[in-house]
PDB file of N, CA and C in Angstrom:
ATOM      1  N   MET A   1     132.572  88.296  70.967  1.00  0.00           N
ATOM      2  CA  MET A   1     132.639  88.709  69.433  1.00  0.00           C
ATOM      3  C   MET A   1     131.238  88.897  69.207  1.00  0.00           C
ATOM      4  N   ALA A   2     130.891  90.147  68.174  1.00  0.00           N
ATOM      5  CA  ALA A   2     129.405  90.219  68.448  1.00  0.00           C
ATOM      6  C   ALA A   2     128.802  89.831  67.160  1.00  0.00           C
ATOM      7  N   GLY A   3     127.707  90.096  66.692  1.00  0.00           N
ATOM      8  CA  GLY A   3     127.388  89.143  65.294  1.00  0.00           C
ATOM      9  C   GLY A   3     125.932  88.561  65.951  1.00  0.00           C
ATOM     10  N   PRO A   4     124.750  87.860  64.733  1.00  0.00           N
ATOM     11  CA  PRO A   4     123.213  86.855  65.509  1.00  0.00           C
ATOM     12  C   PRO A   4     124.164  85.937  66.140  1.00  0.00           C
ATOM     13  N   ARG A   5     123.316  85.791  67.027  1.00  0.00           N
ATOM     14  CA  ARG A   5     123.485  84.545  67.821  1.00  0.00           C
ATOM     15  C   ARG A   5     122.473  82.960  67.428  1.00  0.00           C
ATOM     16  N   VAL A   6     123.623  82.028  66.974  1.00  0.00           N
ATOM     17  CA  VAL A   6     123.198  80.554  66.221  1.00  0.00           C
ATOM     18  C   VAL A   6     122.428  80.099  67.802  1.00  0.00           C
ATOM     19  N   GLU A   7     121.093  79.344  67.317  1.00  0.00           N
ATOM     20  CA  GLU A   7     120.067  79.019  68.265  1.00  0.00           C
ATOM     21  C   GLU A   7     120.152  77.676  68.053  1.00  0.00           C
ATOM     22  N   VAL A   8     120.506  76.434  68.514  1.00  0.00           N
ATOM     23  CA  VAL A   8     120.895  75.329  68.378  1.00  0.00           C
ATOM     24  C   VAL A   8     120.140  74.084  69.339  1.00  0.00           C
ATOM     25  N   ASP A   9     118.995  73.423  68.783  1.00  0.00           N
ATOM     26  CA  ASP A   9     118.101  72.341  69.481  1.00  0.00           C
ATOM     27  C   ASP A   9     119.059  71.429  69.788  1.00  0.00           C
ATOM     28  N   GLY A  10     119.329  70.967  71.569  1.00  0.00           N
ATOM     29  CA  GLY A  10     119.924  69.762  71.400  1.00  0.00           C
ATOM     30  C   GLY A  10     119.580  68.452  71.868  1.00  0.00           C
ATOM     31  N   GLY A  11     117.765  68.705  71.298  1.00  0.00           N
ATOM     32  CA  GLY A  11     117.035  67.202  71.365  1.00  0.00           C
ATOM     33  C   GLY A  11     117.332  66.784  70.338  1.00  0.00           C
ATOM     34  N   VAL A  12     117.849  67.127  68.801  1.00  0.00           N
ATOM     35  CA  VAL A  12     117.693  66.694  67.624  1.00  0.00           C
ATOM     36  C   VAL A  12     118.292  65.197  67.732  1.00  0.00           C
ATOM     37  N   LEU A  13     117.976  64.566  66.795  1.00  0.00           N
ATOM     38  CA  LEU A  13     118.700  63.027  66.583  1.00  0.00           C
ATOM     39  C   LEU A  13     118.977  62.562  67.982  1.00  0.00           C
ATOM     40  N   GLU A  14     119.711  62.025  68.474  1.00  0.00           N
ATOM     41  CA  GLU A  14     119.842  61.298  69.429  1.00  0.00           C
ATOM     42  C   GLU A  14     119.645  62.032  70.626  1.00  0.00           C
ATOM     43  N   GLY A  15     119.969  63.386  70.832  1.00  0.00           N
ATOM     44  CA  GLY A  15     119.309  64.192  71.871  1.00  0.00           C
ATOM     45  C   GLY A  15     120.278  63.761  72.838  1.00  0.00           C
ATOM     46  N   GLY A  16     121.895  63.718  72.616  1.00  0.00           N
ATOM     47  CA  GLY A  16     123.050  63.705  73.556  1.00  0.00           C
ATOM     48  C   GLY A  16     124.137  64.881  74.134  1.00  0.00           C
ATOM     49  N   GLY A  17     124.821  64.704  73.979  1.00  0.00           N
ATOM     50  CA  GLY A  17     125.709  65.185  74.410  1.00  0.00           C
ATOM     51  C   GLY A  17     126.646  65.948  73.479  1.00  0.00           C
ATOM     52  N   GLN A  18     126.556  65.108  72.438  1.00  0.00           N
ATOM     53  CA  GLN A  18     127.505  65.528  70.956  1.00  0.00           C
ATOM     54  C   GLN A  18     127.301  66.858  70.432  1.00  0.00           C
ATOM     55  N   ILE A  19     125.809  66.876  70.169  1.00  0.00           N
ATOM     56  CA  ILE A  19     125.685  68.185  69.372  1.00  0.00           C
ATOM     57  C   ILE A  19     126.379  69.312  70.090  1.00  0.00           C
ATOM     58  N   LEU A  20     125.971  69.228  71.796  1.00  0.00           N
ATOM     59  CA  LEU A  20     126.370  70.464  73.034  1.00  0.00           C
ATOM     60  C   LEU A  20     127.876  70.387  72.099  1.00  0.00           C
ATOM     61  N   ARG A  21     129.113  69.665  72.325  1.00  0.00           N
ATOM     62  CA  ARG A  21     130.120  69.313  72.310  1.00  0.00           C
ATOM     63  C   ARG A  21     130.634  70.007  70.583  1.00  0.00           C
ATOM     64  N   VAL A  22     129.913  69.344  69.884  1.00  0.00           N
ATOM     65  CA  VAL A  22     130.405  69.753  68.315  1.00  0.00           C
ATOM     66  C   VAL A  22     130.016  71.640  68.161  1.00  0.00           C
ATOM     67  N   SER A  23     128.765  71.928  68.588  1.00  0.00           N
ATOM     68  CA  SER A  23     128.135  73.179  68.239  1.00  0.00           C
ATOM     69  C   SER A  23     129.390  74.128  69.100  1.00  0.00           C
ATOM     70  N   THR A  24     129.351  73.567  70.335  1.00  0.00           N
ATOM     71  CA  THR A  24     130.508  75.028  71.164  1.00  0.00           C
ATOM     72  C   THR A  24     131.670  75.017  70.750  1.00  0.00           C
ATOM     73  N   ALA A  25     132.290  74.108  70.476  1.00  0.00           N
ATOM     74  CA  ALA A  25     133.507  73.980  69.722  1.00  0.00           C
ATOM     75  C   ALA A  25     133.822  74.785  68.150  1.00  0.00           C
ATOM     76  N   LEU A  26     132.795  74.507  67.294  1.00  0.00           N
ATOM     77  CA  LEU A  26     132.680  75.380  66.200  1.00  0.00           C
ATOM     78  C   LEU A  26     132.435  76.996  66.517  1.00  0.00           C
ATOM     79  N   SER A  27     131.652  76.928  67.658  1.00  0.00           N
ATOM     80  CA  SER A  27     131.103  78.792  68.009  1.00  0.00           C
ATOM     81  C   SER A  27     132.625  79.355  68.326  1.00  0.00           C
ATOM     82  N   CYS A  28     133.245  78.415  68.980  1.00  0.00           N
ATOM     83  CA  CYS A  28     134.869  79.176  69.217  1.00  0.00           C
ATOM     84  C   CYS A  28     135.755  79.280  68.234  1.00  0.00           C
ATOM     85  N   LEU A  29     135.443  77.846  67.310  1.00  0.00           N
ATOM     86  CA  LEU A  29     136.614  78.325  66.504  1.00  0.00           C
ATOM     87  C   LEU A  29     136.342  79.670  65.119  1.00  0.00           C
ATOM     88  N   LEU A  30     134.562  79.493  65.035  1.00  0.00           N
ATOM     89  CA  LEU A  30     134.211  80.898  64.082  1.00  0.00           C
ATOM     90  C   LEU A  30     134.106  81.795  65.011  1.00  0.00           C
ATOM     91  N   GLY A  31     134.021  81.920  65.891  1.00  0.00           N
ATOM     92  CA  GLY A  31     133.822  83.212  66.665  1.00  0.00           C
ATOM     93  C   GLY A  31     131.890  83.575  66.580  1.00  0.00           C
ATOM     94  N   VAL A  32     131.535  82.811  66.560  1.00  0.00           N
ATOM     95  CA  VAL A  32     129.455  82.689  66.848  1.00  0.00           C
ATOM     96  C   VAL A  32     129.379  82.577  67.959  1.00  0.00           C
ATOM     97  N   PRO A  33     128.003  84.057  68.545  1.00  0.00           N
ATOM     98  CA  PRO A  33     127.949  83.166  69.624  1.00  0.00           C
ATOM     99  C   PRO A  33     126.618  82.408  69.411  1.00  0.00           C
ATOM    100  N   LEU A  34     126.109  81.921  70.742  1.00  0.00           N
ATOM    101  CA  LEU A  34     125.676  80.287  70.603  1.00  0.00           C
ATOM    102  C   LEU A  34     124.425  80.232  71.482  1.00  0.00           C
ATOM    103  N   ARG A  35     123.452  79.533  71.435  1.00  0.00           N
ATOM    104  CA  ARG A  35     122.647  79.372  72.589  1.00  0.00           C
ATOM    105  C   ARG A  35     122.123  78.185  72.240  1.00  0.00           C
ATOM    106  N   VAL A  36     122.355  76.875  73.108  1.00  0.00           N
ATOM    107  CA  VAL A  36     121.890  75.981  72.691  1.00  0.00           C
ATOM    108  C   VAL A  36     120.595  75.596  74.097  1.00  0.00           C
ATOM    109  N   GLN A  37     119.427  74.710  73.266  1.00  0.00           N
ATOM    110  CA  GLN A  37     118.242  74.559  74.287  1.00  0.00           C
ATOM    111  C   GLN A  37     118.060  73.108  74.289  1.00  0.00           C
ATOM    112  N   LYS A  38     117.223  72.696  75.248  1.00  0.00           N
ATOM    113  CA  LYS A  38     117.089  71.307  75.365  1.00  0.00           C
ATOM    114  C   LYS A  38     117.913  70.564  75.104  1.00  0.00           C
ATOM    115  N   ILE A  39     119.199  70.545  75.895  1.00  0.00           N
ATOM    116  CA  ILE A  39     120.503  70.286  76.210  1.00  0.00           C
ATOM    117  C   ILE A  39     120.343  68.368  76.612  1.00  0.00           C
ATOM    118  N   ARG A  40     119.958  67.571  75.621  1.00  0.00           N
ATOM    119  CA  ARG A  40     120.364  65.934  76.197  1.00  0.00           C
ATOM    120  C   ARG A  40     118.658  65.873  76.333  1.00  0.00           C
ATOM    121  N   ALA A  41     118.048  66.257  76.027  1.00  0.00           N
ATOM    122  CA  ALA A  41     116.514  65.960  75.910  1.00  0.00           C
ATOM    123  C   ALA A  41     116.047  64.674  75.876  1.00  0.00           C
ATOM    124  N   GLY A  42     117.027  63.818  74.994  1.00  0.00           N
ATOM    125  CA  GLY A  42     117.084  62.472  74.549  1.00  0.00           C
ATOM    126  C   GLY A  42     117.065  61.880  75.757  1.00  0.00           C
ATOM    127  N   ARG A  43     117.981  62.101  76.790  1.00  0.00           N
ATOM    128  CA  ARG A  43     118.350  61.373  77.819  1.00  0.00           C
ATOM    129  C   ARG A  43     117.488  61.294  79.370  1.00  0.00           C
ATOM    130  N   SER A  44     117.708  60.012  79.677  1.00  0.00           N
ATOM    131  CA  SER A  44     116.336  59.975  80.822  1.00  0.00           C
ATOM    132  C   SER A  44     116.602  61.075  82.006  1.00  0.00           C
ATOM    133  N   THR A  45     117.959  61.501  82.202  1.00  0.00           N
ATOM    134  CA  THR A  45     118.041  62.653  82.779  1.00  0.00           C
ATOM    135  C   THR A  45     118.770  63.753  81.666  1.00  0.00           C
ATOM    136  N   PRO A  46     117.849  64.447  81.431  1.00  0.00           N
ATOM    137  CA  PRO A  46     118.439  65.304  80.465  1.00  0.00           C
ATOM    138  C   PRO A  46     119.318  66.566  81.192  1.00  0.00           C
ATOM    139  N   GLY A  47     119.954  67.608  80.414  1.00  0.00           N
ATOM    140  CA  GLY A  47     120.464  68.450  81.101  1.00  0.00           C
ATOM    141  C   GLY A  47     121.749  68.388  81.148  1.00  0.00           C
ATOM    142  N   LEU A  48     122.752  69.418  81.703  1.00  0.00           N
ATOM    143  CA  LEU A  48     124.487  69.153  81.623  1.00  0.00           C
ATOM    144  C   LEU A  48     124.027  68.167  82.934  1.00  0.00           C
ATOM    145  N   ARG A  49     125.696  66.688  82.387  1.00  0.00           N
ATOM    146  CA  ARG A  49     126.339  66.430  83.671  1.00  0.00           C
ATOM    147  C   ARG A  49     127.465  66.643  83.934  1.00  0.00           C
ATOM    148  N   PRO A  50     128.300  66.618  84.740  1.00  0.00           N
ATOM    149  CA  PRO A  50     129.411  66.873  85.027  1.00  0.00           C
ATOM    150  C   PRO A  50     130.227  67.297  83.932  1.00  0.00           C
ATOM    151  N   GLN A  51     130.441  65.929  83.200  1.00  0.00           N
ATOM    152  CA  GLN A  51     131.643  66.063  82.163  1.00  0.00           C
ATOM    153  C   GLN A  51     131.034  67.319  80.910  1.00  0.00           C
ATOM    154  N   HIS A  52     130.218  67.226  80.927  1.00  0.00           N
ATOM    155  CA  HIS A  52     129.442  68.457  79.966  1.00  0.00           C
ATOM    156  C   HIS A  52     129.716  69.585  80.641  1.00  0.00           C
ATOM    157  N   LEU A  53     129.475  70.195  81.428  1.00  0.00           N
ATOM    158  CA  LEU A  53     130.559  71.437  82.067  1.00  0.00           C
ATOM    159  C   LEU A  53     131.189  71.204  82.227  1.00  0.00           C
ATOM    160  N   SER A  54     132.418  70.468  82.523  1.00  0.00           N
ATOM    161  CA  SER A  54     133.791  70.522  82.149  1.00  0.00           C
ATOM    162  C   SER A  54     134.366  70.934  81.134  1.00  0.00           C
ATOM    163  N   GLY A  55     133.742  70.388  80.362  1.00  0.00           N
ATOM    164  CA  GLY A  55     134.321  70.828  78.731  1.00  0.00           C
ATOM    165  C   GLY A  55     133.431  72.088  78.426  1.00  0.00           C
ATOM    166  N   LEU A  56     132.554  72.775  78.514  1.00  0.00           N
ATOM    167  CA  LEU A  56     131.901  73.804  77.583  1.00  0.00           C
ATOM    168  C   LEU A  56     132.853  74.968  78.633  1.00  0.00           C
ATOM    169  N   GLU A  57     133.340  74.967  80.004  1.00  0.00           N
ATOM    170  CA  GLU A  57     134.072  75.739  80.579  1.00  0.00           C
ATOM    171  C   GLU A  57     135.928  75.362  80.112  1.00  0.00           C
ATOM    172  N   MET A  58     135.983  74.211  79.919  1.00  0.00           N
ATOM    173  CA  MET A  58     137.381  73.876  79.159  1.00  0.00           C
ATOM    174  C   MET A  58     137.341  75.179  77.993  1.00  0.00           C
ATOM    175  N   ILE A  59     136.519  74.885  77.327  1.00  0.00           N
ATOM    176  CA  ILE A  59     136.452  75.719  75.827  1.00  0.00           C
ATOM    177  C   ILE A  59     135.993  77.321  75.883  1.00  0.00           C
ATOM    178  N   ARG A  60     135.144  77.817  76.848  1.00  0.00           N
ATOM    179  CA  ARG A  60     134.932  79.110  77.758  1.00  0.00           C
ATOM    180  C   ARG A  60     136.629  79.573  77.978  1.00  0.00           C
ATOM    181  N   ASP A  61     137.310  78.919  78.734  1.00  0.00           N
ATOM    182  CA  ASP A  61     138.738  79.507  78.888  1.00  0.00           C
ATOM    183  C   ASP A  61     140.012  79.272  77.662  1.00  0.00           C
ATOM    184  N   LEU A  62     139.485  78.264  77.019  1.00  0.00           N
ATOM    185  CA  LEU A  62     140.255  78.618  75.371  1.00  0.00           C
ATOM    186  C   LEU A  62     140.105  79.709  74.661  1.00  0.00           C
ATOM    187  N   CYS A  63     139.203  79.854  74.681  1.00  0.00           N
ATOM    188  CA  CYS A  63     138.725  81.235  73.862  1.00  0.00           C
ATOM    189  C   CYS A  63     137.903  82.238  74.380  1.00  0.00           C
ATOM    190  N   ASP A  64     138.734  82.592  76.045  1.00  0.00           N
ATOM    191  CA  ASP A  64     138.401  83.582  76.353  1.00  0.00           C
ATOM    192  C   ASP A  64     136.858  84.137  76.548  1.00  0.00           C
ATOM    193  N   GLY A  65     135.589  83.033  76.495  1.00  0.00           N
ATOM    194  CA  GLY A  65     134.285  83.282  76.114  1.00  0.00           C
ATOM    195  C   GLY A  65     133.691  83.636  77.559  1.00  0.00           C
ATOM    196  N   GLN A  66     132.033  83.866  77.530  1.00  0.00           N
ATOM    197  CA  GLN A  66     131.953  84.214  78.542  1.00  0.00           C
ATOM    198  C   GLN A  66     130.179  82.812  77.982  1.00  0.00           C
ATOM    199  N   LEU A  67     130.105  82.204  79.268  1.00  0.00           N
ATOM    200  CA  LEU A  67     129.206  80.936  79.635  1.00  0.00           C
ATOM    201  C   LEU A  67     128.079  81.586  80.340  1.00  0.00           C
ATOM    202  N   ASP A  68     126.991  81.699  79.778  1.00  0.00           N
ATOM    203  CA  ASP A  68     125.666  81.706  80.899  1.00  0.00           C
ATOM    204  C   ASP A  68     124.873  80.368  80.841  1.00  0.00           C
ATOM    205  N   GLY A  69     124.454  80.191  82.070  1.00  0.00           N
ATOM    206  CA  GLY A  69     123.481  78.911  82.345  1.00  0.00           C
ATOM    207  C   GLY A  69     123.974  77.899  82.360  1.00  0.00           C
ATOM    208  N   ALA A  70     125.463  77.639  82.614  1.00  0.00           N
ATOM    209  CA  ALA A  70     125.984  76.580  82.830  1.00  0.00           C
ATOM    210  C   ALA A  70     125.849  76.215  84.113  1.00  0.00           C
ATOM    211  N   ALA A  71     125.214  75.307  84.449  1.00  0.00           N
ATOM    212  CA  ALA A  71     125.430  74.591  86.003  1.00  0.00           C
ATOM    213  C   ALA A  71     124.636  72.568  85.775  1.00  0.00           C
ATOM    214  N   ILE A  72     124.949  72.170  86.102  1.00  0.00           N
ATOM    215  CA  ILE A  72     124.306  70.631  86.318  1.00  0.00           C
ATOM    216  C   ILE A  72     123.124  70.402  86.886  1.00  0.00           C
ATOM    217  N   GLY A  73     122.878  70.163  85.228  1.00  0.00           N
ATOM    218  CA  GLY A  73     121.035  70.013  85.431  1.00  0.00           C
ATOM    219  C   GLY A  73     120.533  70.911  84.423  1.00  0.00           C
ATOM    220  N   SER A  74     121.255  72.363  84.164  1.00  0.00           N
ATOM    221  CA  SER A  74     120.909  72.907  83.122  1.00  0.00           C
ATOM    222  C   SER A  74     120.319  72.595  81.570  1.00  0.00           C
ATOM    223  N   THR A  75     119.063  72.899  80.685  1.00  0.00           N
ATOM    224  CA  THR A  75     119.432  72.580  79.484  1.00  0.00           C
ATOM    225  C   THR A  75     119.202  73.325  78.406  1.00  0.00           C
ATOM    226  N   GLU A  76     119.889  74.594  79.233  1.00  0.00           N
ATOM    227  CA  GLU A  76     119.932  75.568  78.143  1.00  0.00           C
ATOM    228  C   GLU A  76     120.991  76.450  78.611  1.00  0.00           C
ATOM    229  N   VAL A  77     122.405  77.063  77.802  1.00  0.00           N
ATOM    230  CA  VAL A  77     123.144  77.691  78.012  1.00  0.00           C
ATOM    231  C   VAL A  77     123.230  78.577  76.963  1.00  0.00           C
ATOM    232  N   THR A  78     123.876  79.998  76.991  1.00  0.00           N
ATOM    233  CA  THR A  78     124.690  80.396  75.774  1.00  0.00           C
ATOM    234  C   THR A  78     125.941  80.517  76.208  1.00  0.00           C
ATOM    235  N   PHE A  79     126.742  80.893  74.954  1.00  0.00           N
ATOM    236  CA  PHE A  79     128.217  81.165  74.868  1.00  0.00           C
ATOM    237  C   PHE A  79     128.453  82.133  74.193  1.00  0.00           C
ATOM    238  N   THR A  80     129.135  82.939  74.402  1.00  0.00           N
ATOM    239  CA  THR A  80     129.731  83.943  73.908  1.00  0.00           C
ATOM    240  C   THR A  80     131.039  83.863  73.513  1.00  0.00           C
ATOM    241  N   PRO A  81     131.993  83.562  72.402  1.00  0.00           N
ATOM    242  CA  PRO A  81     133.542  82.974  72.447  1.00  0.00           C
ATOM    243  C   PRO A  81     134.229  84.334  72.038  1.00  0.00           C
ATOM    244  N   GLY A  82     135.322  84.828  72.616  1.00  0.00           N
ATOM    245  CA  GLY A  82     136.619  85.876  72.447  1.00  0.00           C
ATOM    246  C   GLY A  82     137.038  85.015  71.382  1.00  0.00           C
ATOM    247  N   LYS A  83     138.922  85.890  72.203  1.00  0.00           N
ATOM    248  CA  LYS A  83     139.796  85.097  70.931  1.00  0.00           C
ATOM    249  C   LYS A  83     140.357  83.762  71.684  1.00  0.00           C
ATOM    250  N   ILE A  84     140.724  82.926  70.753  1.00  0.00           N
ATOM    251  CA  ILE A  84     141.357  82.099  70.992  1.00  0.00           C
ATOM    252  C   ILE A  84     142.922  81.879  71.421  1.00  0.00           C
ATOM    253  N   ARG A  85     143.279  81.877  72.514  1.00  0.00           N
ATOM    254  CA  ARG A  85     144.314  82.104  73.517  1.00  0.00           C
ATOM    255  C   ARG A  85     145.413  80.590  73.175  1.00  0.00           C
ATOM    256  N   GLY A  86     146.643  80.806  73.533  1.00  0.00           N
ATOM    257  CA  GLY A  86     147.254  79.420  73.675  1.00  0.00           C
ATOM    258  C   GLY A  86     147.311  79.198  74.881  1.00  0.00           C
ATOM    259  N   GLY A  87     147.995  78.021  75.529  1.00  0.00           N
ATOM    260  CA  GLY A  87     148.210  77.747  76.810  1.00  0.00           C
ATOM    261  C   GLY A  87     148.258  76.562  76.893  1.00  0.00           C
ATOM    262  N   THR A  88     148.087  75.958  78.610  1.00  0.00           N
ATOM    263  CA  THR A  88     147.917  74.876  78.874  1.00  0.00           C
ATOM    264  C   THR A  88     146.064  74.980  79.387  1.00  0.00           C
ATOM    265  N   HIS A  89     145.640  74.257  79.231  1.00  0.00           N
ATOM    266  CA  HIS A  89     144.137  74.195  79.511  1.00  0.00           C
ATOM    267  C   HIS A  89     144.479  72.576  79.989  1.00  0.00           C
ATOM    268  N   THR A  90     143.101  72.648  80.871  1.00  0.00           N
ATOM    269  CA  THR A  90     142.952  71.433  81.780  1.00  0.00           C
ATOM    270  C   THR A  90     141.354  71.039  81.868  1.00  0.00           C
ATOM    271  N   ALA A  91     141.133  69.846  81.839  1.00  0.00           N
ATOM    272  CA  ALA A  91     139.260  69.658  82.392  1.00  0.00           C
ATOM    273  C   ALA A  91     139.198  68.328  83.364  1.00  0.00           C
ATOM    274  N   ASP A  92     138.228  68.644  84.475  1.00  0.00           N
ATOM    275  CA  ASP A  92     138.426  67.694  85.219  1.00  0.00           C
ATOM    276  C   ASP A  92     137.064  67.148  84.896  1.00  0.00           C
ATOM    277  N   THR A  93     136.564  66.435  84.794  1.00  0.00           N
ATOM    278  CA  THR A  93     135.285  65.865  84.811  1.00  0.00           C
ATOM    279  C   THR A  93     134.661  65.523  86.141  1.00  0.00           C
ATOM    280  N   LYS A  94     135.347  65.097  87.197  1.00  0.00           N
ATOM    281  CA  LYS A  94     135.596  64.893  88.230  1.00  0.00           C
ATOM    282  C   LYS A  94     134.027  63.736  88.848  1.00  0.00           C
ATOM    283  N   THR A  95     134.206  62.772  87.347  1.00  0.00           N
ATOM    284  CA  THR A  95     133.486  61.185  87.359  1.00  0.00           C
ATOM    285  C   THR A  95     134.445  60.711  86.936  1.00  0.00           C
ATOM    286  N   ALA A  96     133.701  59.715  86.937  1.00  0.00           N
ATOM    287  CA  ALA A  96     134.331  58.044  85.556  1.00  0.00           C
ATOM    288  C   ALA A  96     134.417  57.997  84.657  1.00  0.00           C
ATOM    289  N   GLY A  97     133.655  59.029  84.065  1.00  0.00           N
ATOM    290  CA  GLY A  97     133.252  59.126  82.586  1.00  0.00           C
ATOM    291  C   GLY A  97     134.488  58.722  81.863  1.00  0.00           C
ATOM    292  N   CYS A  98     134.161  58.448  80.112  1.00  0.00           N
ATOM    293  CA  CYS A  98     135.240  58.536  79.458  1.00  0.00           C
ATOM    294  C   CYS A  98     135.443  59.905  79.196  1.00  0.00           C
ATOM    295  N   PRO A  99     136.813  60.112  79.046  1.00  0.00           N
ATOM    296  CA  PRO A  99     137.461  61.836  78.686  1.00  0.00           C
ATOM    297  C   PRO A  99     137.072  61.847  77.302  1.00  0.00           C
ATOM    298  N   CYS A 100     137.475  60.639  76.438  1.00  0.00           N
ATOM    299  CA  CYS A 100     137.264  61.196  74.579  1.00  0.00           C
ATOM    300  C   CYS A 100     136.361  62.253  74.612  1.00  0.00           C
ATOM    301  N   PRO A 101     134.639  62.115  74.994  1.00  0.00           N
ATOM    302  CA  PRO A 101     134.167  63.491  74.569  1.00  0.00           C
ATOM    303  C   PRO A 101     134.516  64.842  75.256  1.00  0.00           C
ATOM    304  N   VAL A 102     134.962  65.083  75.948  1.00  0.00           N
ATOM    305  CA  VAL A 102     136.101  66.275  76.938  1.00  0.00           C
ATOM    306  C   VAL A 102     136.848  66.509  76.069  1.00  0.00           C
ATOM    307  N   SER A 103     137.534  65.305  75.664  1.00  0.00           N
ATOM    308  CA  SER A 103     139.063  65.761  74.820  1.00  0.00           C
ATOM    309  C   SER A 103     138.945  66.030  73.830  1.00  0.00           C
ATOM    310  N   SER A 104     137.246  65.447  73.002  1.00  0.00           N
ATOM    311  CA  SER A 104     136.902  66.019  71.239  1.00  0.00           C
ATOM    312  C   SER A 104     137.175  67.522  71.455  1.00  0.00           C
ATOM    313  N   LEU A 105     136.686  68.133  72.375  1.00  0.00           N
ATOM    314  CA  LEU A 105     136.084  69.812  72.260  1.00  0.00           C
ATOM    315  C   LEU A 105     136.920  70.196  71.589  1.00  0.00           C
ATOM    316  N   PRO A 106     138.357  70.573  72.099  1.00  0.00           N
ATOM    317  CA  PRO A 106     139.153  71.400  71.068  1.00  0.00           C
ATOM    318  C   PRO A 106     139.049  71.302  69.860  1.00  0.00           C
ATOM    319  N   HIS A 107     139.308  69.699  69.557  1.00  0.00           N
ATOM    320  CA  HIS A 107     138.927  69.410  68.458  1.00  0.00           C
ATOM    321  C   HIS A 107     138.175  68.190  67.770  1.00  0.00           C
ATOM    322  N   PRO A 108     137.273  69.351  67.256  1.00  0.00           N
ATOM    323  CA  PRO A 108     135.833  68.563  66.573  1.00  0.00           C
ATOM    324  C   PRO A 108     136.127  67.942  65.694  1.00  0.00           C
ATOM    325  N   HIS A 109     137.025  67.480  64.835  1.00  0.00           N
ATOM    326  CA  HIS A 109     137.380  66.950  63.648  1.00  0.00           C
ATOM    327  C   HIS A 109     137.555  65.670  63.740  1.00  0.00           C
ATOM    328  N   ARG A 110     138.200  65.408  65.420  1.00  0.00           N
ATOM    329  CA  ARG A 110     138.932  64.052  65.910  1.00  0.00           C
ATOM    330  C   ARG A 110     137.621  63.166  66.991  1.00  0.00           C
ATOM    331  N   SER A 111     137.621  62.226  66.461  1.00  0.00           N
ATOM    332  CA  SER A 111     137.102  61.282  68.030  1.00  0.00           C
ATOM    333  C   SER A 111     138.057  60.144  68.267  1.00  0.00           C
ATOM    334  N   CYS A 112     137.586  59.802  69.148  1.00  0.00           N
ATOM    335  CA  CYS A 112     138.154  58.649  70.195  1.00  0.00           C
ATOM    336  C   CYS A 112     138.338  57.388  69.479  1.00  0.00           C
ATOM    337  N   VAL A 113     138.687  56.058  69.529  1.00  0.00           N
ATOM    338  CA  VAL A 113     138.636  54.974  68.711  1.00  0.00           C
ATOM    339  C   VAL A 113     138.736  54.310  69.647  1.00  0.00           C
TER     340      VAL A 113
END
């Protein structure tokens, strides 16, 4: 989808993955292109971890979008959403991490307890 790209500083507040998850999910839902910089800048190992990459790929597939710069360790990604499509979507983080953050991506209004 066309339109001005929203710029997000991923290092604000706690500087973790939550801002990445929420901004990408909202980008998909609203059809607004997005660039996130300084991803997880507040962490001891900044950049995308496997669970973040898996979640981004799931959102990309959910809305037939384009994702650039997404790799383990990347501190900047651009995302251009397409049209949301139905179907079965799966994500494998390939880690022992908590699945709640990844599962919250398509539902930014929900959180795990």
